């Protein structure tokens, strides 16, 4: 049967014949020699994954404080990479064989970044709360048990009331209830594995046109590349340490303020502009935070200028259009 949709024909052609010759037009690309990935960084990353996952769960779920994985550049993995670079500086003085190479560090970064994306914000962090949700919040008043609970596969949710209560109320050792979580946990693990495999297959399809034809810069990988480069001058640059010190001092002081209110607070979270605009038509602006976030400033620095300006410009345009819609009455038109 012939594939009819243009996108389906394109994918079918790529899978059958490879990418078209147009992707290889232009100056020939220098083909780098293949290098085997050492088992050392792979083994190290696999050992670190459980601790990294526990760190994410504790910070993003239990404390709900710093969401490491909400940013495109995973902050937790950057911190681990920073610690490994410090380890390398010491290990090279003892024996160069003990140190990680740049390739090793990048392999560790990629594995931990992928694991963090799967387990972090809006991924498994949210999935964990879905498993017991229908059982815990089903009441005679909302009649969930008759409305849809019977359509939920028992191998995807937690149906035992005592196990669900232990999850929400706490004060119960998890290992006394683990058998209720085993089947749903394995089922969702299989689904997440297939989904991750599918996404990696998609990256294989787009890798060549994105890197060779469109020559995308991938700005968020520039920091790990620079950090792991043996010839880098990043850590000897005074401007780097000045910027690092400013951000670190502000975060440490504000962290102490959270624990000890007598410590002065440095206002960097800004204001929520919508709270101060309460009269029409200005209240149509909605939720508009004005904040000073160091990590967002750093990530914006890595973006192409036209892209970052476009993000700012169209955000402002959206807010202006909301106000214009309120003035003209367009926002009240149904449909």
Protein backbone atom coordinates (compact mmCIF):
# COMPACT_ATOMS: atom_id res chain seq x y z
CA UNK A 1 0.00 0.00 0.00
CA UNK A 2 1.40 3.37 -1.00
CA UNK A 3 1.89 5.92 1.73
CA UNK A 4 -0.14 9.02 0.91
CA UNK A 5 0.66 11.74 3.43
CA UNK A 6 3.74 13.85 2.50
CA UNK A 7 5.27 13.46 5.96
CA UNK A 8 4.73 9.70 5.89
CA UNK A 9 6.32 9.51 2.41
CA UNK A 10 9.31 11.52 3.62
CA UNK A 11 9.87 9.32 6.69
CA UNK A 12 9.38 6.18 4.61
CA UNK A 13 11.94 7.41 2.07
CA UNK A 14 14.46 8.23 4.82
CA UNK A 15 14.06 4.80 6.43
CA UNK A 16 14.44 3.07 3.07
CA UNK A 17 17.05 5.14 1.23
CA UNK A 18 18.61 7.34 3.88
CA UNK A 19 18.67 11.13 3.78
CA UNK A 20 18.54 12.85 0.38
CA UNK A 21 21.68 14.16 -1.25
CA UNK A 22 20.67 17.73 -0.51
CA UNK A 23 21.76 17.20 3.06
CA UNK A 24 25.30 16.52 1.94
CA UNK A 25 25.60 19.42 -0.50
CA UNK A 26 28.16 22.11 0.16
CA UNK A 27 31.71 21.71 1.42
CA UNK A 28 32.57 18.20 2.56
CA UNK A 29 32.51 17.63 6.28
CA UNK A 30 35.61 16.30 7.94
CA UNK A 31 34.85 12.81 9.12
CA UNK A 32 36.13 12.24 12.63
CA UNK A 33 37.47 8.80 13.51
CA UNK A 34 35.22 6.58 15.56
CA UNK A 35 36.14 6.32 19.21
CA UNK A 36 35.01 3.61 21.55
CA UNK A 37 33.18 4.79 24.65
CA UNK A 38 35.01 3.66 27.74
CA UNK A 39 33.09 1.62 30.29
CA UNK A 40 34.54 3.75 33.08
CA UNK A 41 32.25 6.79 32.61
CA UNK A 42 29.25 4.58 31.78
CA UNK A 43 29.68 2.56 34.96
CA UNK A 44 30.24 5.70 37.01
CA UNK A 45 27.11 7.37 35.62
CA UNK A 46 24.97 4.27 36.25
CA UNK A 47 26.16 4.20 39.87
CA UNK A 48 25.37 7.91 40.27
CA UNK A 49 21.87 7.72 38.72
CA UNK A 50 20.07 6.38 41.87
CA UNK A 51 21.62 9.11 44.05
CA UNK A 52 20.85 11.75 41.42
CA UNK A 53 17.24 10.53 41.16
CA UNK A 54 16.83 10.55 44.95
CA UNK A 55 18.23 14.08 45.04
CA UNK A 56 15.70 15.21 42.40
CA UNK A 57 12.79 13.49 44.18
CA UNK A 58 13.74 14.99 47.53
CA UNK A 59 14.18 18.50 46.15
CA UNK A 60 11.37 18.67 43.60
CA UNK A 61 8.74 16.48 45.27
CA UNK A 62 9.30 16.46 49.04
CA UNK A 63 10.72 19.95 49.58
CA UNK A 64 9.23 21.47 46.40
CA UNK A 65 11.97 24.07 46.47
CA UNK A 66 14.49 24.10 43.63
CA UNK A 67 13.30 22.47 40.40
CA UNK A 68 16.60 21.32 38.91
CA UNK A 69 15.14 19.81 35.77
CA UNK A 70 12.69 22.60 34.91
CA UNK A 71 15.46 24.35 32.95
CA UNK A 72 16.80 23.05 29.65
CA UNK A 73 20.26 23.01 31.21
CA UNK A 74 19.92 20.56 34.15
CA UNK A 75 21.39 22.39 37.14
CA UNK A 76 21.99 19.22 39.15
CA UNK A 77 24.07 17.65 36.38
CA UNK A 78 26.08 20.85 35.91
CA UNK A 79 26.88 20.75 39.64
CA UNK A 80 27.99 17.09 39.40
CA UNK A 81 30.11 17.96 36.36
CA UNK A 82 31.67 20.86 38.29
CA UNK A 83 32.57 18.48 41.15
CA UNK A 84 34.12 15.98 38.72
CA UNK A 85 36.26 18.72 37.19
CA UNK A 86 37.48 19.55 40.69
CA UNK A 87 38.22 15.84 41.23
CA UNK A 88 40.19 15.79 37.96
CA UNK A 89 42.37 18.68 39.13
CA UNK A 90 43.40 16.63 42.18
CA UNK A 91 43.58 13.24 40.41
CA UNK A 92 45.95 14.49 37.68
CA UNK A 93 48.50 15.41 40.33
CA UNK A 94 48.38 11.90 41.78
CA UNK A 95 48.09 9.86 38.60
CA UNK A 96 46.74 10.95 35.19
CA UNK A 97 45.08 7.53 34.80
CA UNK A 98 42.72 8.32 37.67
CA UNK A 99 41.35 11.41 35.94
CA UNK A 100 38.42 11.49 33.51
CA UNK A 101 39.02 12.61 29.94
CA UNK A 102 36.80 15.19 28.26
CA UNK A 103 35.02 12.37 26.41
CA UNK A 104 34.40 10.59 29.73
CA UNK A 105 32.96 13.72 31.33
CA UNK A 106 30.65 14.35 28.39
CA UNK A 107 29.40 10.75 28.46
CA UNK A 108 28.64 11.13 32.17
CA UNK A 109 26.89 14.44 31.50
CA UNK A 110 24.73 12.98 28.71
CA UNK A 111 23.69 9.93 30.72
CA UNK A 112 22.83 11.92 33.86
CA UNK A 113 21.07 14.65 31.86
CA UNK A 114 18.92 12.05 30.11
CA UNK A 115 18.12 10.30 33.39
CA UNK A 116 17.25 13.64 34.98
CA UNK A 117 14.91 14.54 32.12
CA UNK A 118 13.07 11.23 32.51
CA UNK A 119 12.77 11.37 36.30
CA UNK A 120 12.50 15.10 36.84
CA UNK A 121 10.02 17.93 36.59
CA UNK A 122 6.75 17.11 34.74
CA UNK A 123 7.94 13.53 34.15
CA UNK A 124 8.14 10.82 36.80
CA UNK A 125 7.78 13.47 39.49
CA UNK A 126 4.23 14.02 38.29
CA UNK A 127 3.62 10.38 37.43
CA UNK A 128 4.20 9.23 41.01
CA UNK A 129 1.25 11.27 42.22
CA UNK A 130 -1.04 9.93 39.49
CA UNK A 131 -0.78 6.29 40.58
CA UNK A 132 -2.70 6.62 43.88
CA UNK A 133 -4.77 9.70 42.95
CA UNK A 134 -8.00 8.06 41.76
CA UNK A 135 -8.16 5.70 44.74
CA UNK A 136 -7.47 8.36 47.37
CA UNK A 137 -9.80 11.06 46.06
CA UNK A 138 -12.72 8.78 45.16
CA UNK A 139 -15.60 9.59 47.53
CA UNK A 140 -19.31 8.74 47.66
CA UNK A 141 -20.04 12.38 46.78
CA UNK A 142 -18.10 12.49 43.50
CA UNK A 143 -18.97 8.86 42.61
CA UNK A 144 -15.63 8.31 40.88
CA UNK A 145 -15.79 4.58 41.62
CA UNK A 146 -18.79 4.18 39.32
CA UNK A 147 -17.97 6.92 36.84
CA UNK A 148 -14.52 5.88 35.63
CA UNK A 149 -12.48 3.98 38.24
CA UNK A 150 -13.66 0.71 36.72
CA UNK A 151 -12.06 1.70 33.40
CA UNK A 152 -8.60 2.26 34.93
CA UNK A 153 -6.32 -0.79 34.54
CA UNK A 154 -5.43 -2.12 37.97
CA UNK A 155 -1.87 -2.79 36.81
CA UNK A 156 -1.33 0.96 36.21
CA UNK A 157 -2.66 2.41 39.48
CA UNK A 158 -2.55 1.71 43.23
CA UNK A 159 -5.88 0.22 44.33
CA UNK A 160 -5.07 -0.76 47.90
CA UNK A 161 -6.56 1.87 50.22
CA UNK A 162 -4.04 1.30 52.99
CA UNK A 163 -1.08 1.72 50.64
CA UNK A 164 -2.60 4.90 49.22
CA UNK A 165 -3.19 6.30 52.70
CA UNK A 166 0.43 5.56 53.61
CA UNK A 167 1.54 7.53 50.54
CA UNK A 168 -0.48 10.65 51.39
CA UNK A 169 -0.36 10.58 55.18
CA UNK A 170 3.16 9.19 55.61
CA UNK A 171 4.67 7.92 58.87
CA UNK A 172 4.74 4.39 57.41
CA UNK A 173 7.80 2.52 56.20
CA UNK A 174 7.57 2.23 52.41
CA UNK A 175 9.10 -1.26 52.42
CA UNK A 176 6.03 -2.61 54.22
CA UNK A 177 3.89 -1.48 51.26
CA UNK A 178 6.27 -1.98 48.34
CA UNK A 179 4.42 -4.98 46.90
CA UNK A 180 1.42 -2.77 46.08
CA UNK A 181 3.67 -0.54 43.97
CA UNK A 182 5.59 -3.30 42.20
CA UNK A 183 3.25 -4.12 39.27
CA UNK A 184 2.27 -0.49 38.49
CA UNK A 185 5.90 0.55 38.82
CA UNK A 186 7.11 -2.11 36.38
CA UNK A 187 4.27 -1.33 33.96
CA UNK A 188 5.05 2.38 33.85
CA UNK A 189 8.78 1.63 33.64
CA UNK A 190 8.15 -0.34 30.46
CA UNK A 191 6.09 2.50 29.00
CA UNK A 192 8.68 5.14 29.88
CA UNK A 193 11.46 2.95 28.42
CA UNK A 194 9.62 2.58 25.10
CA UNK A 195 8.86 6.32 25.01
CA UNK A 196 12.51 7.21 25.70
CA UNK A 197 13.63 4.74 23.02
CA UNK A 198 11.22 6.34 20.55
CA UNK A 199 12.58 9.80 21.29
CA UNK A 200 16.15 8.59 20.79
CA UNK A 201 15.13 7.07 17.44
CA UNK A 202 13.68 10.44 16.44
CA UNK A 203 16.99 12.12 17.27
CA UNK A 204 18.69 9.72 14.86
CA UNK A 205 16.32 10.88 12.10
CA UNK A 206 16.90 14.59 12.70
CA UNK A 207 20.57 14.51 13.69
CA UNK A 208 22.04 14.76 10.20
CA UNK A 209 19.83 17.52 8.74
CA UNK A 210 20.01 19.55 11.94
CA UNK A 211 23.78 19.33 12.41
CA UNK A 212 25.03 19.22 8.79
CA UNK A 213 22.39 21.02 6.73
CA UNK A 214 20.86 23.57 9.11
CA UNK A 215 24.01 23.73 11.28
CA UNK A 216 22.15 24.35 14.52
CA UNK A 217 24.40 25.58 17.32
CA UNK A 218 22.84 23.75 20.30
CA UNK A 219 23.62 26.56 22.76
CA UNK A 220 22.90 24.64 25.98
CA UNK A 221 25.72 22.17 25.23
CA UNK A 222 28.28 24.98 24.97
CA UNK A 223 28.71 25.26 28.74
CA UNK A 224 29.49 21.53 29.32
CA UNK A 225 31.82 21.58 26.32
CA UNK A 226 33.69 24.60 27.65
CA UNK A 227 33.81 23.25 31.21
CA UNK A 228 35.28 19.90 30.14
CA UNK A 229 37.78 21.28 27.63
CA UNK A 230 41.30 20.61 29.02
CA UNK A 231 42.51 23.85 27.37
CA UNK A 232 39.70 26.02 28.68
CA UNK A 233 40.41 29.35 30.31
CA UNK A 234 36.95 29.53 31.83
CA UNK A 235 38.06 28.77 35.38
CA UNK A 236 40.96 31.20 35.21
CA UNK A 237 38.82 34.05 33.95
CA UNK A 238 38.18 36.62 36.73
CA UNK A 239 34.85 37.63 35.16
CA UNK A 240 33.59 34.06 35.53
CA UNK A 241 34.36 33.98 39.23
CA UNK A 242 32.89 37.47 39.77
CA UNK A 243 29.63 36.38 38.17
CA UNK A 244 29.70 33.10 40.09
CA UNK A 245 30.33 34.91 43.37
CA UNK A 246 27.50 37.42 42.86
CA UNK A 247 24.95 34.69 42.11
CA UNK A 248 26.23 32.42 44.90
CA UNK A 249 26.20 35.17 47.55
CA UNK A 250 22.65 36.23 46.68
CA UNK A 251 21.36 32.63 46.75
CA UNK A 252 23.16 31.79 50.01
CA UNK A 253 21.91 34.95 51.75
CA UNK A 254 18.33 34.37 50.60
CA UNK A 255 18.58 30.73 51.62
CA UNK A 256 19.65 31.78 55.10
CA UNK A 257 16.77 34.27 55.14
CA UNK A 258 14.34 31.40 54.51
CA UNK A 259 15.77 29.45 57.47
CA UNK A 260 16.48 32.44 59.70
CA UNK A 261 14.16 35.41 58.93
CA UNK A 262 16.41 37.82 60.83
CA UNK A 263 18.93 37.51 57.96
CA UNK A 264 18.20 40.30 55.43
CA UNK A 265 16.60 39.30 52.14
CA UNK A 266 18.02 40.42 48.78
CA UNK A 267 15.00 41.11 46.53
CA UNK A 268 15.57 39.23 43.28
CA UNK A 269 12.19 37.56 42.84
CA UNK A 270 10.75 40.88 41.79
CA UNK A 271 7.07 41.62 41.66
CA UNK A 272 3.93 40.21 40.10
CA UNK A 273 2.78 43.14 37.97
CA UNK A 274 -0.77 41.83 37.63
CA UNK A 275 -1.41 42.32 41.36
CA UNK A 276 -0.86 46.06 41.05
CA UNK A 277 -3.01 46.51 37.95
CA UNK A 278 -6.51 45.91 39.29
CA UNK A 279 -8.52 48.36 37.17
CA UNK A 280 -9.81 47.74 33.65
CA UNK A 281 -8.43 47.49 31.04
CA UNK A 282 -5.00 47.06 32.65
CA UNK A 283 -6.00 43.99 34.69
CA UNK A 284 -6.31 42.07 31.43
CA UNK A 285 -2.52 41.82 31.45
CA UNK A 286 -2.90 38.81 33.76
CA UNK A 287 0.00 37.03 35.46
CA UNK A 288 3.12 39.06 34.61
CA UNK A 289 6.11 38.43 36.89
CA UNK A 290 9.13 40.72 36.74
CA UNK A 291 12.06 38.82 38.22
CA UNK A 292 15.83 38.73 38.35
CA UNK A 293 16.94 35.14 37.83
CA UNK A 294 20.66 34.51 37.41
CA UNK A 295 20.29 31.14 35.68
CA UNK A 296 17.86 32.64 33.13
CA UNK A 297 20.31 35.46 32.42
CA UNK A 298 23.05 32.90 31.87
CA UNK A 299 20.94 30.74 29.56
CA UNK A 300 19.79 33.78 27.58
CA UNK A 301 23.44 34.68 27.06
CA UNK A 302 23.93 31.33 25.31
CA UNK A 303 20.95 31.85 22.98
CA UNK A 304 21.24 33.56 19.58
CA UNK A 305 20.41 37.25 19.93
CA UNK A 306 17.55 37.21 17.41
CA UNK A 307 15.93 34.30 19.23
CA UNK A 308 16.12 35.84 22.71
CA UNK A 309 14.88 39.22 21.43
CA UNK A 310 12.00 37.48 19.66
CA UNK A 311 10.98 35.72 22.89
CA UNK A 312 10.91 39.06 24.72
CA UNK A 313 9.20 40.98 21.90
CA UNK A 314 6.34 38.54 21.33
CA UNK A 315 5.76 38.14 25.07
CA UNK A 316 5.30 41.92 25.37
CA UNK A 317 3.09 41.92 22.27
CA UNK A 318 0.91 39.20 23.81
CA UNK A 319 0.37 41.29 26.95
CA UNK A 320 -0.42 44.41 24.88
CA UNK A 321 -2.95 42.47 22.80
CA UNK A 322 -4.68 41.28 25.97
CA UNK A 323 -5.12 44.91 27.08
CA UNK A 324 -6.28 45.95 23.59
CA UNK A 325 -8.76 43.08 23.62
CA UNK A 326 -10.16 44.31 26.92
CA UNK A 327 -10.47 47.89 25.63
CA UNK A 328 -12.24 46.92 22.41
CA UNK A 329 -14.31 44.15 23.94
CA UNK A 330 -12.81 41.47 21.68
CA UNK A 331 -11.88 39.30 24.67
CA UNK A 332 -15.59 39.01 25.55
CA UNK A 333 -16.62 37.69 22.13
CA UNK A 334 -17.60 34.03 22.39
CA UNK A 335 -16.36 31.43 19.96
